[in-house]
């Protein structure tokens, strides 16, 4: 019985960590999108062809 309880505790911890990571990702998404746009503008100046 103690083993099942330990498994439930570990499962609950994993669920909580995954939920926290997902919430953080959703909260930071606008900033990440902005950073990607800035990086792409800096990496590919106007008129330059994108590498294939």
N, C-alpha and C. Protein backbone atom coordinates (compact mmCIF):
# COMPACT_ATOMS: atom_id res chain seq x y z
N UNK A 1 0.83 -1.21 0.00
CA UNK A 1 0.00 0.00 0.00
C UNK A 1 0.86 1.26 0.00
N UNK A 2 1.97 1.22 0.73
CA UNK A 2 2.85 2.39 0.78
C UNK A 2 3.44 2.68 -0.58
N UNK A 3 3.69 1.64 -1.36
CA UNK A 3 4.27 1.82 -2.69
C UNK A 3 3.29 2.55 -3.61
N UNK A 4 2.02 2.19 -3.52
CA UNK A 4 1.01 2.85 -4.33
C UNK A 4 0.90 4.32 -3.93
N UNK A 5 0.99 4.61 -2.64
CA UNK A 5 0.91 5.99 -2.18
C UNK A 5 2.11 6.80 -2.70
N UNK A 6 3.29 6.20 -2.67
CA UNK A 6 4.48 6.89 -3.17
C UNK A 6 4.33 7.16 -4.67
N UNK A 7 3.78 6.21 -5.39
CA UNK A 7 3.58 6.40 -6.83
C UNK A 7 2.60 7.53 -7.07
N UNK A 8 1.56 7.62 -6.27
CA UNK A 8 0.59 8.72 -6.42
C UNK A 8 1.24 10.07 -6.13
N UNK A 9 2.11 10.11 -5.12
CA UNK A 9 2.79 11.36 -4.79
C UNK A 9 3.69 11.78 -5.94
N UNK A 10 4.46 10.85 -6.49
CA UNK A 10 5.34 11.16 -7.61
C UNK A 10 4.52 11.61 -8.82
N UNK A 11 3.42 10.93 -9.09
CA UNK A 11 2.56 11.31 -10.21
C UNK A 11 2.00 12.72 -10.00
N UNK A 12 1.58 13.02 -8.79
CA UNK A 12 1.05 14.36 -8.50
C UNK A 12 2.14 15.42 -8.69
N UNK A 13 3.36 15.12 -8.27
CA UNK A 13 4.45 16.08 -8.45
C UNK A 13 4.74 16.31 -9.93
N UNK A 14 4.73 15.25 -10.72
CA UNK A 14 4.98 15.38 -12.15
C UNK A 14 3.89 16.22 -12.80
N UNK A 15 2.65 15.99 -12.43
CA UNK A 15 1.53 16.75 -12.98
C UNK A 15 1.66 18.22 -12.61
N UNK A 16 2.02 18.50 -11.36
CA UNK A 16 2.17 19.89 -10.93
C UNK A 16 3.32 20.58 -11.66
N UNK A 17 4.44 19.89 -11.81
CA UNK A 17 5.58 20.48 -12.53
C UNK A 17 5.25 20.73 -13.99
N UNK A 18 4.57 19.78 -14.62
CA UNK A 18 4.19 19.95 -16.02
C UNK A 18 3.21 21.12 -16.18
N UNK A 19 2.27 21.23 -15.26
CA UNK A 19 1.32 22.34 -15.30
C UNK A 19 2.00 23.68 -15.11
N UNK A 20 2.97 23.74 -14.19
CA UNK A 20 3.70 24.98 -13.96
C UNK A 20 4.53 25.35 -15.19
N UNK A 21 5.17 24.36 -15.80
CA UNK A 21 5.97 24.63 -17.00
C UNK A 21 5.08 25.12 -18.14
N UNK A 22 3.92 24.51 -18.30
CA UNK A 22 2.99 24.93 -19.35
C UNK A 22 2.48 26.34 -19.10
N UNK A 23 2.15 26.65 -17.85
CA UNK A 23 1.68 28.00 -17.51
C UNK A 23 2.77 29.03 -17.79
N UNK A 24 4.02 28.71 -17.46
CA UNK A 24 5.13 29.62 -17.71
C UNK A 24 5.32 29.83 -19.21
N UNK A 25 5.23 28.76 -19.98
CA UNK A 25 5.38 28.88 -21.43
C UNK A 25 4.29 29.75 -22.03
N UNK A 26 3.05 29.56 -21.60
CA UNK A 26 1.94 30.36 -22.11
C UNK A 26 2.11 31.82 -21.71
N UNK A 27 2.58 32.05 -20.48
CA UNK A 27 2.76 33.42 -20.00
C UNK A 27 3.87 34.14 -20.76
N UNK A 28 4.91 33.42 -21.15
CA UNK A 28 6.07 34.03 -21.81
C UNK A 28 5.95 34.03 -23.34
N UNK A 29 4.90 33.45 -23.90
CA UNK A 29 4.78 33.30 -25.35
C UNK A 29 4.88 34.63 -26.11
N UNK A 30 4.19 35.71 -25.71
CA UNK A 30 4.31 36.96 -26.48
C UNK A 30 5.75 37.48 -26.54
N UNK A 31 6.47 37.40 -25.44
CA UNK A 31 7.85 37.84 -25.43
C UNK A 31 8.73 36.98 -26.31
N UNK A 32 8.47 35.65 -26.31
CA UNK A 32 9.25 34.75 -27.15
C UNK A 32 9.01 35.04 -28.63
N UNK A 33 7.76 35.30 -28.99
CA UNK A 33 7.44 35.61 -30.38
C UNK A 33 8.15 36.90 -30.80
N UNK A 34 8.15 37.89 -29.92
CA UNK A 34 8.84 39.15 -30.21
C UNK A 34 10.33 38.92 -30.41
N UNK A 35 10.93 38.12 -29.54
CA UNK A 35 12.36 37.83 -29.66
C UNK A 35 12.69 37.12 -30.97
N UNK A 36 11.83 36.19 -31.38
CA UNK A 36 12.07 35.47 -32.63
C UNK A 36 11.99 36.44 -33.81
N UNK A 37 11.02 37.35 -33.78
CA UNK A 37 10.91 38.33 -34.86
C UNK A 37 12.14 39.22 -34.93
N UNK A 38 12.62 39.68 -33.79
CA UNK A 38 13.82 40.53 -33.76
C UNK A 38 15.01 39.75 -34.28
N UNK A 39 15.16 38.50 -33.86
CA UNK A 39 16.28 37.67 -34.30
C UNK A 39 16.24 37.46 -35.80
N UNK A 40 15.05 37.22 -36.33
CA UNK A 40 14.94 36.98 -37.77
C UNK A 40 15.26 38.25 -38.55
N UNK A 41 14.83 39.40 -38.05
CA UNK A 41 15.14 40.66 -38.75
C UNK A 41 16.65 40.93 -38.72
N UNK A 42 17.30 40.61 -37.63
CA UNK A 42 18.73 40.85 -37.51
C UNK A 42 19.52 39.85 -38.36
N UNK A 43 19.02 38.63 -38.45
CA UNK A 43 19.74 37.57 -39.17
C UNK A 43 19.60 37.73 -40.68
N UNK A 44 18.46 38.22 -41.14
CA UNK A 44 18.19 38.34 -42.57
C UNK A 44 17.85 39.78 -42.91
N UNK A 45 18.85 40.61 -43.21
CA UNK A 45 18.54 41.99 -43.57
C UNK A 45 17.71 42.06 -44.86
N UNK A 46 17.02 43.14 -45.06
CA UNK A 46 16.14 43.25 -46.23
C UNK A 46 16.96 43.09 -47.50
N UNK A 47 16.43 42.35 -48.42
CA UNK A 47 17.10 42.10 -49.68
C UNK A 47 17.93 40.84 -49.67
N UNK A 48 18.25 40.33 -48.50
CA UNK A 48 19.04 39.09 -48.43
C UNK A 48 18.12 37.89 -48.62
N UNK A 49 18.61 36.92 -49.31
CA UNK A 49 17.81 35.70 -49.51
C UNK A 49 17.94 34.80 -48.29
N UNK A 50 16.87 34.11 -47.99
CA UNK A 50 16.89 33.15 -46.90
C UNK A 50 17.69 31.92 -47.32
N UNK A 51 18.53 31.40 -46.43
CA UNK A 51 19.28 30.19 -46.78
C UNK A 51 18.34 29.00 -46.93
N UNK A 52 18.70 28.10 -47.80
CA UNK A 52 17.85 26.92 -47.98
C UNK A 52 18.51 25.69 -47.44
